[in-house]
Amino acid sequence: MKTPPVTRREFAAQLGALPLAAGAATRPAPVAKRAPCAARGIVGVTRGPKDLEAPPSTPAGATWRYQLVYPFQVAPRLAGLSCSIKPNFGPGQDWENGLDLVLFDDLDRIRAEGAITVTRNHEEPNPNAGGKLAVMVKYPGPVGFVPRGARRKDGTPHPHAGTGFLTSSVHARPADDSEGLFSFPDRIGRGSYTGIKAYDYFELLQLAYDGRELRIVHRQRVGLEEMVPGWRISGAGLTNPISDGDDLLVGAQGGRPGRTPGCGLLRWRRFGGAWRPAAFDLITPEDNSIEPSVVREGSGDLLFLARGRRESGPPVRVWRSRDNGRSWQRTIFINGLVGSVPISLNQAVDGTPYVASNLYTPWIKVPGGDAGISRLEPAGGRGERSTLCIWPLNERRDGLEAPLLARDCRTEFGVPPSGTVWAADHPSAMTLQLGDGEWHHVLGYRLLDWKENTHFIAPSPRTGAYVEEVFSVGEPVPPWNF
């Protein structure tokens, strides 16, 4: 159980009375037991200190910080986090350095000690840039895992229990300044390979847990057009896969080679002792959507969300399938709610689906101010990632309810050290069974002074990976059968 700033009993008692600005829902507080017909719904979320800071493998003299977090189930009463790593001194925006796996069974005892090293950046020639030496930058990706001890719906043992996979997107970035330098007000740093010089692939790792150790049993390089015949899979989802019989389904960006990609569902199937992508179905238009997520309702319906690009508004869009993905209907389309920021669709312990993202802050011109106000400007600009909210879907799944405030960085922490804005972003969540045998809905995100990502300053005291618990009313709807 993630300990709230007050005791669990105090937290539950206060949930129904606190206003939105104080971070709680306007719903009844949860009680110990409820009748099967009782109302369901999300009632609150913790706002704790950071859970992970520096990777144990950080070299002497280097400054690394854990950032994005993907929660997943490893075994009964045991969970894991896939954690991305950011080196804090550039040399370009969104420059990452691989990821680790961290196991835990208690939300109050998440520790970096014993972290499993998954992958790190390396240098190799870029074949699309005349063999020029490039840095292969490793980005986080979903972890698909069938927990050890998992059973099918009929109670028979799951044939793939204790196995899974992890994908890391790998992008060649220049090892020098030959591709130019950015010097915009809100971003500086080294340019990237684009067009015919771009060189990308996926690092696919097979995972296994034997009850004692989570191991990487195999790794391979897979090209973007080698994942699924006839498709170019170019980006990963923002949340982890869900089960579909003996298969796993996850959101992914993809499209036909040579065409603008969209987002859809990537099916993974285990055969020959390894998990492999088996099929891709496009759901969004070919609109360059990114970072999709998917959940399954207790009814069996699938709900799907994908992040729109800045030029598309961007709206909050949710699609629904009542026939296990054979056909889709867009049921939610809302503008002006979030900016061009990461957004995900998740599902609380009681089965309530919700959207997690940053509340939109309009770009307001300060009278007499600089005409070049950027997203970094704290007074009158867009602190567009500083306020993290969750919006439950309504019962008809065609709209959103009032938001719950998950994190208000400016109010909680004041102005960041750089004097600009905070970012609490890339929310990714999963319902997990922890050491107490109970199901907990775990929401992970990164928090940093935004200039760490754009101007390569030292990390703030708040920078790191955060893991919270989302509380809901109603009987649990477990994602796995043990």
Protein backbone atom coordinates (compact mmCIF):
# COMPACT_ATOMS: atom_id res chain seq x y z
CA MET A 1 0.00 0.00 0.00
CA LYS A 2 1.36 3.38 -0.96
CA THR A 3 1.23 5.48 2.20
CA PRO A 4 -0.60 8.80 1.62
CA PRO A 5 0.68 12.03 3.21
CA VAL A 6 -1.80 11.23 6.04
CA THR A 7 -2.73 7.83 7.46
CA ARG A 8 -4.75 5.43 5.31
CA ARG A 9 -7.81 5.92 7.55
CA GLU A 10 -7.47 9.71 7.50
CA PHE A 11 -6.97 9.65 3.73
CA ALA A 12 -10.11 7.57 3.18
CA ALA A 13 -12.16 9.77 5.51
CA GLN A 14 -11.10 12.96 3.77
CA LEU A 15 -11.61 11.83 0.18
CA GLY A 16 -15.26 12.77 0.01
CA ALA A 17 -14.75 16.25 1.45
CA LEU A 18 -11.64 17.73 -0.17
CA PRO A 19 -11.99 20.01 -3.21
CA LEU A 20 -10.26 19.34 -6.51
CA ALA A 21 -7.51 21.84 -5.79
CA ALA A 22 -6.55 19.82 -2.73
CA GLY A 23 -6.20 16.67 -4.80
CA ALA A 24 -9.11 14.41 -3.86
CA ALA A 25 -12.27 13.25 -5.57
CA THR A 26 -15.76 14.49 -4.81
CA ARG A 27 -17.01 10.94 -4.19
CA PRO A 28 -17.79 8.89 -1.09
CA ALA A 29 -14.82 7.53 0.79
CA PRO A 30 -14.10 3.81 0.35
CA VAL A 31 -15.20 1.37 3.04
CA ALA A 32 -13.79 -2.01 4.02
CA LYS A 33 -16.50 -4.07 2.31
CA ARG A 34 -19.20 -3.21 -0.18
CA ALA A 35 -22.11 -5.14 -1.63
CA PRO A 36 -21.69 -6.39 -5.23
CA CYS A 37 -24.21 -3.79 -6.40
CA ALA A 38 -22.37 -0.88 -4.74
CA ALA A 39 -21.22 2.07 -6.81
CA ARG A 40 -17.81 1.88 -8.39
CA GLY A 41 -15.38 4.62 -9.16
CA ILE A 42 -12.04 6.30 -8.51
CA VAL A 43 -11.86 8.21 -5.23
CA GLY A 44 -8.28 9.43 -4.85
CA VAL A 45 -4.59 9.16 -5.54
CA THR A 46 -1.53 9.48 -3.34
CA ARG A 47 1.05 12.20 -3.82
CA GLY A 48 4.21 10.79 -2.31
CA PRO A 49 7.90 11.64 -2.59
CA LYS A 50 9.98 10.24 -5.43
CA ASP A 51 10.53 6.52 -5.31
CA LEU A 52 13.65 6.12 -7.45
CA GLU A 53 16.48 8.55 -8.11
CA ALA A 54 19.91 7.40 -9.32
CA PRO A 55 20.61 3.97 -10.87
CA PRO A 56 23.15 1.93 -8.83
CA SER A 57 25.16 1.47 -12.04
CA THR A 58 25.77 5.23 -12.50
CA PRO A 59 29.49 5.63 -13.31
CA ALA A 60 31.68 7.73 -11.06
CA GLY A 61 31.45 11.37 -12.08
CA ALA A 62 28.26 10.87 -14.11
CA THR A 63 24.75 12.16 -13.32
CA TRP A 64 21.97 9.73 -14.19
CA ARG A 65 18.35 9.77 -13.05
CA TYR A 66 15.51 7.29 -13.34
CA GLN A 67 12.57 8.73 -15.26
CA LEU A 68 9.73 6.89 -17.07
CA VAL A 69 8.13 3.96 -15.25
CA TYR A 70 6.18 0.99 -16.70
CA PRO A 71 4.64 -1.21 -13.93
CA PHE A 72 4.09 -4.95 -14.60
CA GLN A 73 3.23 -8.17 -12.72
CA VAL A 74 6.03 -10.72 -12.27
CA ALA A 75 4.41 -13.36 -10.04
CA PRO A 76 1.75 -13.55 -7.31
CA ARG A 77 2.59 -10.85 -4.74
CA LEU A 78 5.56 -9.61 -6.80
CA ALA A 79 5.70 -6.75 -9.31
CA GLY A 80 8.29 -4.92 -11.36
CA LEU A 81 9.02 -1.54 -12.89
CA SER A 82 10.73 -0.90 -16.19
CA CYS A 83 12.60 2.36 -15.54
CA SER A 84 14.21 4.57 -18.17
CA ILE A 85 17.46 6.40 -17.44
CA LYS A 86 18.32 9.99 -18.36
CA PRO A 87 21.86 11.43 -18.35
CA ASN A 88 21.39 15.00 -17.19
CA PHE A 89 23.93 16.85 -19.31
CA GLY A 90 22.69 16.40 -22.84
CA PRO A 91 23.70 16.71 -25.52
CA GLY A 92 20.20 16.87 -27.05
CA GLN A 93 16.53 16.93 -26.07
CA ASP A 94 15.05 13.55 -25.10
CA TRP A 95 18.51 11.98 -24.96
CA GLU A 96 18.08 8.80 -22.90
CA ASN A 97 20.44 6.03 -21.80
CA GLY A 98 18.63 2.71 -21.63
CA LEU A 99 16.68 1.18 -18.78
CA ASP A 100 16.66 -1.05 -15.72
CA LEU A 101 14.13 -3.42 -14.14
CA VAL A 102 13.31 -2.97 -10.45
CA LEU A 103 11.33 -5.60 -8.51
CA PHE A 104 9.15 -4.78 -5.50
CA ASP A 105 6.27 -6.11 -3.38
CA ASP A 106 5.41 -3.00 -1.33
CA LEU A 107 4.78 0.50 -2.63
CA ASP A 108 6.50 1.98 0.40
CA ARG A 109 9.64 -0.07 -0.20
CA ILE A 110 10.71 0.46 -3.80
CA ARG A 111 14.49 0.39 -3.88
CA ALA A 112 17.03 0.77 -6.68
CA GLU A 113 19.45 -1.65 -5.01
CA GLY A 114 19.46 -4.88 -6.98
CA ALA A 115 18.17 -3.21 -10.16
CA ILE A 116 18.57 -5.42 -13.24
CA THR A 117 20.53 -3.72 -16.01
CA VAL A 118 18.64 -4.16 -19.28
CA THR A 119 20.41 -2.03 -21.88
CA ARG A 120 22.63 1.06 -22.26
CA ASN A 121 23.62 3.35 -25.12
CA HIS A 122 26.50 2.29 -27.32
CA GLU A 123 28.33 3.63 -30.38
CA GLU A 124 28.36 2.08 -33.83
CA PRO A 125 28.55 3.28 -37.46
CA ASN A 126 25.35 4.70 -38.93
CA PRO A 127 24.98 2.87 -42.28
CA ASN A 128 22.59 5.58 -43.51
CA ALA A 129 25.10 8.39 -42.87
CA GLY A 130 28.11 7.01 -44.72
CA GLY A 131 29.20 4.85 -41.79
CA LYS A 132 29.76 7.85 -39.53
CA LEU A 133 30.04 6.90 -35.87
CA ALA A 134 26.73 7.44 -34.05
CA VAL A 135 25.39 7.00 -30.53
CA MET A 136 22.64 4.38 -30.44
CA VAL A 137 20.28 5.93 -27.90
CA LYS A 138 18.02 3.44 -26.08
CA TYR A 139 14.47 4.48 -25.19
CA PRO A 140 11.95 2.79 -22.87
CA GLY A 141 9.26 0.48 -24.15
CA PRO A 142 6.51 -1.83 -22.93
CA VAL A 143 7.10 -4.98 -20.90
CA GLY A 144 4.80 -7.83 -21.83
CA PHE A 145 4.89 -10.50 -19.12
CA VAL A 146 2.67 -13.44 -18.17
CA PRO A 147 3.22 -13.76 -14.42
CA ARG A 148 4.56 -16.97 -12.97
CA GLY A 149 1.61 -18.90 -11.58
CA ALA A 150 -0.92 -17.26 -13.91
CA ARG A 151 -3.93 -19.30 -14.99
CA ARG A 152 -6.34 -19.04 -17.87
CA LYS A 153 -9.93 -18.01 -17.24
CA ASP A 154 -10.95 -21.68 -17.03
CA GLY A 155 -8.42 -22.26 -14.25
CA THR A 156 -5.91 -24.26 -16.28
CA PRO A 157 -2.24 -23.20 -16.04
CA HIS A 158 -1.25 -20.50 -18.53
CA PRO A 159 1.18 -22.14 -20.99
CA HIS A 160 3.49 -19.09 -21.01
CA ALA A 161 3.46 -18.25 -17.29
CA GLY A 162 6.79 -16.86 -16.10
CA THR A 163 7.83 -15.57 -19.52
CA GLY A 164 7.65 -12.28 -21.34
CA PHE A 165 9.40 -9.71 -23.48
CA LEU A 166 10.63 -6.14 -23.42
CA THR A 167 11.17 -3.79 -26.35
CA SER A 168 13.48 -0.79 -26.39
CA SER A 169 13.33 1.68 -29.29
CA VAL A 170 16.83 2.47 -30.52
CA HIS A 171 17.63 5.62 -32.49
CA ALA A 172 20.98 6.66 -33.97
CA ARG A 173 21.95 10.17 -32.87
CA PRO A 174 25.08 12.06 -33.96
CA ALA A 175 28.20 11.65 -31.85
CA ASP A 176 29.25 15.19 -32.83
CA ASP A 177 27.67 18.45 -34.05
CA SER A 178 27.74 17.53 -37.75
CA GLU A 179 23.93 17.55 -38.01
CA GLY A 180 23.70 21.07 -36.63
CA LEU A 181 22.79 22.66 -33.30
CA PHE A 182 19.45 23.94 -32.04
CA SER A 183 19.34 27.35 -30.37
CA PHE A 184 15.62 27.99 -29.91
CA PRO A 185 14.35 29.81 -26.80
CA ASP A 186 12.85 26.59 -25.43
CA ARG A 187 15.45 24.11 -26.68
CA ILE A 188 19.13 23.92 -27.44
CA GLY A 189 21.47 21.07 -28.29
CA ARG A 190 22.61 18.71 -30.98
CA GLY A 191 20.51 17.96 -34.03
CA SER A 192 19.34 14.47 -35.00
CA TYR A 193 19.60 12.27 -38.05
CA THR A 194 16.52 12.76 -40.20
CA GLY A 195 15.25 11.62 -43.59
CA ILE A 196 17.46 9.10 -45.34
CA LYS A 197 20.09 9.42 -42.59
CA ALA A 198 17.74 8.16 -39.89
CA TYR A 199 18.68 4.74 -38.50
CA ASP A 200 16.31 3.00 -36.08
CA TYR A 201 15.53 -0.48 -34.81
CA PHE A 202 14.05 -2.30 -31.82
CA GLU A 203 16.00 -4.18 -29.22
CA LEU A 204 13.84 -7.19 -28.33
CA LEU A 205 14.61 -9.02 -25.09
CA GLN A 206 13.07 -12.30 -23.92
CA LEU A 207 12.43 -12.47 -20.16
CA ALA A 208 11.87 -15.35 -17.73
CA TYR A 209 11.14 -15.63 -14.01
CA ASP A 210 11.72 -18.96 -12.24
CA GLY A 211 10.50 -17.97 -8.79
CA ARG A 212 13.90 -16.70 -7.70
CA GLU A 213 15.34 -14.53 -10.44
CA LEU A 214 14.07 -12.42 -13.33
CA ARG A 215 16.47 -13.03 -16.19
CA ILE A 216 17.09 -11.77 -19.71
CA VAL A 217 17.38 -15.02 -21.62
CA HIS A 218 17.85 -13.66 -25.15
CA ARG A 219 18.20 -10.37 -26.99
CA GLN A 220 18.07 -9.53 -30.65
CA ARG A 221 17.90 -6.57 -33.03
CA VAL A 222 14.71 -6.25 -35.08
CA GLY A 223 14.27 -3.71 -37.87
CA LEU A 224 11.16 -1.54 -38.03
CA GLU A 225 9.94 -3.37 -41.14
CA GLU A 226 10.88 -6.78 -39.74
CA MET A 227 8.41 -6.74 -36.85
CA VAL A 228 5.27 -7.60 -38.86
CA PRO A 229 5.31 -8.35 -42.63
CA GLY A 230 3.82 -5.52 -44.66
CA TRP A 231 4.00 -3.00 -41.82
CA ARG A 232 6.57 -0.57 -40.46
CA ILE A 233 6.29 -0.52 -36.66
CA SER A 234 7.89 2.77 -35.68
CA GLY A 235 6.95 3.51 -32.08
CA ALA A 236 6.01 1.92 -28.78
CA GLY A 237 2.97 2.26 -26.56
CA LEU A 238 2.88 4.24 -23.32
CA THR A 239 1.40 1.40 -21.26
CA ASN A 240 2.12 -2.31 -21.01
CA PRO A 241 0.35 -5.12 -22.89
CA ILE A 242 -2.87 -6.76 -21.75
CA SER A 243 -3.77 -10.44 -22.09
CA ASP A 244 -5.90 -11.81 -24.92
CA GLY A 245 -6.25 -15.53 -24.44
CA ASP A 246 -2.71 -16.86 -24.60
CA ASP A 247 -1.52 -13.79 -26.54
CA LEU A 248 -0.63 -10.27 -25.43
CA LEU A 249 -1.94 -7.04 -26.99
CA VAL A 250 -0.18 -3.67 -26.84
CA GLY A 251 -0.56 -0.31 -28.50
CA ALA A 252 2.05 0.63 -31.11
CA GLN A 253 2.70 3.22 -33.80
CA GLY A 254 2.84 1.76 -37.27
CA GLY A 255 1.81 2.06 -40.89
CA ARG A 256 2.41 0.81 -44.38
CA PRO A 257 5.99 1.45 -45.55
CA GLY A 258 6.28 4.84 -47.22
CA ARG A 259 3.04 6.16 -45.75
CA THR A 260 2.25 8.32 -42.71
CA PRO A 261 1.86 6.04 -39.68
CA GLY A 262 -0.97 5.91 -37.19
CA CYS A 263 -1.55 3.83 -34.08
CA GLY A 264 -3.08 0.44 -33.54
CA LEU A 265 -2.79 -2.87 -31.72
CA LEU A 266 0.26 -5.08 -31.97
CA ARG A 267 -0.39 -8.73 -31.14
CA TRP A 268 2.40 -10.75 -29.53
CA ARG A 269 2.42 -14.54 -29.57
CA ARG A 270 4.86 -17.02 -28.06
CA PHE A 271 6.09 -19.80 -30.32
CA GLY A 272 9.40 -21.59 -30.62
CA GLY A 273 10.12 -20.62 -27.01
CA ALA A 274 10.08 -16.86 -27.72
CA TRP A 275 7.61 -13.98 -27.83
CA ARG A 276 7.28 -12.46 -31.28
CA PRO A 277 5.01 -9.86 -32.93
CA ALA A 278 2.33 -11.69 -34.88
CA ALA A 279 -0.02 -9.05 -36.31
CA PHE A 280 -0.75 -5.33 -36.39
CA ASP A 281 -4.14 -3.66 -36.82
CA LEU A 282 -4.34 0.08 -37.47
CA ILE A 283 -7.05 1.90 -35.47
CA THR A 284 -6.41 5.65 -35.82
CA PRO A 285 -6.26 7.47 -39.14
CA GLU A 286 -2.81 7.78 -40.75
CA ASP A 287 -2.24 10.97 -38.76
CA ASN A 288 1.16 10.39 -37.11
CA SER A 289 -0.43 9.56 -33.76
CA ILE A 290 1.97 8.23 -31.12
CA GLU A 291 2.18 6.53 -27.70
CA PRO A 292 -1.08 4.52 -27.65
CA SER A 293 -2.61 2.54 -24.78
CA VAL A 294 -5.34 -0.09 -24.46
CA VAL A 295 -7.52 -1.57 -21.68
CA ARG A 296 -10.14 -4.32 -21.59
CA GLU A 297 -13.46 -3.86 -19.79
CA GLY A 298 -15.05 -6.59 -17.68
CA SER A 299 -17.62 -6.91 -20.48
CA GLY A 300 -14.79 -7.81 -22.86
CA ASP A 301 -14.94 -4.49 -24.73
CA LEU A 302 -11.60 -2.94 -25.67
CA LEU A 303 -10.87 0.78 -25.23
CA PHE A 304 -8.00 2.40 -27.11
CA LEU A 305 -6.35 5.84 -26.91
CA ALA A 306 -3.54 7.47 -28.90
CA ARG A 307 -1.75 10.79 -28.43
CA GLY A 308 -2.36 13.32 -31.17
CA ARG A 309 0.39 15.56 -32.49
CA ARG A 310 0.49 19.28 -31.73
CA GLU A 311 -0.84 20.18 -35.17
CA SER A 312 -4.00 18.10 -34.57
CA GLY A 313 -5.22 20.19 -31.63
CA PRO A 314 -4.59 17.84 -29.96
CA PRO A 315 -7.88 16.20 -28.96
CA VAL A 316 -8.45 13.46 -26.41
CA ARG A 317 -9.61 10.52 -28.53
CA VAL A 318 -10.87 7.12 -27.38
CA TRP A 319 -12.01 4.24 -29.59
CA ARG A 320 -14.15 1.28 -28.50
CA SER A 321 -14.42 -2.25 -29.85
CA ARG A 322 -17.21 -4.63 -28.84
CA ASP A 323 -15.92 -7.53 -30.95
CA ASN A 324 -12.35 -7.98 -29.63
CA GLY A 325 -10.74 -5.60 -32.08
CA ARG A 326 -12.39 -6.62 -35.36
CA SER A 327 -14.12 -3.22 -35.63
CA TRP A 328 -13.73 0.10 -33.83
CA GLN A 329 -15.87 3.17 -33.15
CA ARG A 330 -14.50 6.49 -31.95
CA THR A 331 -16.55 7.36 -28.86
CA ILE A 332 -14.67 10.31 -27.33
CA PHE A 333 -13.29 13.39 -29.06
CA ILE A 334 -12.58 16.37 -26.78
CA ASN A 335 -10.49 19.44 -27.61
CA GLY A 336 -8.91 21.93 -25.21
CA LEU A 337 -8.41 19.48 -22.34
CA VAL A 338 -4.73 18.57 -22.70
CA GLY A 339 -1.84 20.03 -24.65
CA SER A 340 0.66 18.26 -26.88
CA VAL A 341 1.75 16.06 -24.00
CA PRO A 342 1.93 12.34 -23.17
CA ILE A 343 -1.48 10.83 -22.41
CA SER A 344 -2.52 7.31 -21.46
CA LEU A 345 -5.62 5.19 -20.89
CA ASN A 346 -5.56 3.07 -17.74
CA GLN A 347 -7.92 1.02 -15.56
CA ALA A 348 -8.31 1.23 -11.77
CA VAL A 349 -8.62 -1.79 -9.48
CA ASP A 350 -12.43 -1.73 -9.70
CA GLY A 351 -12.28 -1.67 -13.50
CA THR A 352 -12.97 2.06 -13.96
CA PRO A 353 -11.07 3.28 -17.05
CA TYR A 354 -9.46 6.70 -16.86
CA VAL A 355 -7.31 9.05 -18.89
CA ALA A 356 -4.09 10.36 -17.31
CA SER A 357 -2.38 13.45 -18.69
CA ASN A 358 -1.47 17.08 -18.00
CA LEU A 359 -4.16 19.73 -17.68
CA TYR A 360 -3.99 22.15 -20.59
CA THR A 361 -2.63 25.62 -19.80
CA PRO A 362 -3.24 28.19 -22.56
CA TRP A 363 -0.30 30.15 -23.91
CA ILE A 364 -1.08 33.63 -22.63
CA LYS A 365 0.84 36.68 -23.83
CA VAL A 366 1.97 38.91 -20.98
CA PRO A 367 1.26 42.57 -21.87
CA GLY A 368 4.51 44.31 -22.64
CA GLY A 369 6.40 41.04 -22.49
CA ASP A 370 8.72 39.41 -24.97
CA ALA A 371 6.93 38.31 -28.13
CA GLY A 372 8.98 35.12 -28.05
CA ILE A 373 7.45 33.64 -24.89
CA SER A 374 8.02 29.89 -24.97
CA ARG A 375 6.68 26.91 -23.09
CA LEU A 376 9.51 27.51 -20.58
CA GLU A 377 8.18 30.90 -19.53
CA PRO A 378 6.60 30.52 -16.06
CA ALA A 379 4.74 33.85 -16.08
CA GLY A 380 2.13 33.88 -18.81
CA GLY A 381 3.60 30.93 -20.67
CA ARG A 382 2.58 27.28 -20.84
CA GLY A 383 3.57 25.22 -17.85
CA GLU A 384 1.99 22.51 -19.94
CA ARG A 385 3.27 19.49 -18.03
CA SER A 386 3.24 20.78 -14.47
CA THR A 387 -0.27 19.62 -13.46
CA LEU A 388 -1.00 15.89 -13.71
CA CYS A 389 -4.67 14.83 -13.63
CA ILE A 390 -6.76 11.71 -14.10
CA TRP A 391 -10.19 11.82 -15.81
CA PRO A 392 -12.46 8.78 -15.23
CA LEU A 393 -14.55 7.77 -18.23
CA ASN A 394 -18.31 8.02 -17.72
CA GLU A 395 -20.52 4.95 -17.55
CA ARG A 396 -21.43 5.18 -21.27
CA ARG A 397 -17.75 5.47 -22.18
CA ASP A 398 -18.52 8.40 -24.45
CA GLY A 399 -17.21 11.20 -22.22
CA LEU A 400 -15.04 12.08 -19.24
CA GLU A 401 -15.96 12.89 -15.67
CA ALA A 402 -14.46 15.69 -13.58
CA PRO A 403 -10.70 15.28 -13.08
CA LEU A 404 -8.85 14.28 -9.95
CA LEU A 405 -5.66 16.20 -9.31
CA ALA A 406 -2.74 13.80 -9.06
CA ARG A 407 0.15 16.30 -8.93
CA ASP A 408 0.31 20.11 -8.92
CA CYS A 409 4.06 20.73 -9.06
CA ARG A 410 4.00 24.52 -8.94
CA THR A 411 1.76 24.57 -5.85
CA GLU A 412 3.60 21.73 -4.09
CA PHE A 413 7.19 22.59 -4.94
CA GLY A 414 7.21 26.23 -6.00
CA VAL A 415 9.30 27.45 -8.93
CA PRO A 416 11.91 24.90 -10.08
CA PRO A 417 15.64 25.71 -9.71
CA SER A 418 15.90 26.88 -13.34
CA GLY A 419 13.12 29.44 -12.76
CA THR A 420 10.98 27.89 -15.51
CA VAL A 421 8.45 25.03 -15.23
CA TRP A 422 8.14 21.48 -13.89
CA ALA A 423 7.16 18.40 -15.87
CA ALA A 424 5.27 15.48 -14.31
CA ASP A 425 4.54 13.42 -17.39
CA HIS A 426 4.44 10.07 -19.25
CA PRO A 427 1.87 8.45 -16.89
CA SER A 428 1.73 4.67 -17.20
CA ALA A 429 -0.30 2.48 -14.84
CA MET A 430 -1.21 -1.12 -14.09
CA THR A 431 -3.21 -3.04 -11.47
CA LEU A 432 -0.83 -5.28 -9.52
CA GLN A 433 -1.03 -7.84 -6.74
CA LEU A 434 1.57 -6.96 -4.10
CA GLY A 435 3.02 -8.66 -1.04
CA ASP A 436 -0.11 -8.21 1.07
CA GLY A 437 -2.09 -10.30 -1.42
CA GLU A 438 -4.28 -7.31 -2.33
CA TRP A 439 -4.68 -5.67 -5.73
CA HIS A 440 -3.28 -2.13 -6.01
CA HIS A 441 -3.50 0.24 -8.95
CA VAL A 442 -0.01 1.62 -9.50
CA LEU A 443 0.56 4.85 -11.46
CA GLY A 444 4.11 5.74 -12.50
CA TYR A 445 5.46 8.95 -14.04
CA ARG A 446 8.63 11.02 -14.22
CA LEU A 447 9.18 14.42 -12.63
CA LEU A 448 11.91 16.90 -13.56
CA ASP A 449 12.72 20.56 -14.02
CA TRP A 450 11.85 20.85 -17.73
CA LYS A 451 15.10 22.62 -18.56
CA GLU A 452 16.92 19.40 -17.64
CA ASN A 453 15.48 17.99 -20.84
CA THR A 454 16.13 21.01 -23.05
CA HIS A 455 19.15 22.87 -21.65
CA PHE A 456 20.98 20.04 -19.86
CA ILE A 457 21.23 21.51 -16.39
CA ALA A 458 21.86 19.57 -13.18
CA PRO A 459 18.87 17.60 -11.82
CA SER A 460 16.63 19.24 -9.28
CA PRO A 461 16.15 17.73 -5.81
CA ARG A 462 12.69 16.56 -6.97
CA THR A 463 13.85 14.85 -10.16
CA GLY A 464 13.24 11.11 -10.43
CA ALA A 465 10.69 8.35 -10.94
CA TYR A 466 7.43 8.54 -9.00
CA VAL A 467 5.02 5.70 -8.21
CA GLU A 468 1.58 6.42 -6.74
CA GLU A 469 -1.52 4.42 -5.83
CA VAL A 470 -4.94 5.20 -7.29
CA PHE A 471 -7.82 4.25 -4.97
CA SER A 472 -11.23 3.13 -6.17
CA VAL A 473 -14.54 1.89 -4.75
CA GLY A 474 -15.84 -1.55 -5.63
CA GLU A 475 -14.68 -5.13 -5.87
CA PRO A 476 -11.35 -5.70 -7.65
CA VAL A 477 -11.29 -6.69 -11.31
CA PRO A 478 -7.92 -8.50 -11.42
CA PRO A 479 -6.03 -8.50 -14.73
CA TRP A 480 -4.57 -11.93 -13.90
CA ASN A 481 -5.97 -15.15 -12.48
CA PHE A 482 -3.71 -16.83 -9.90
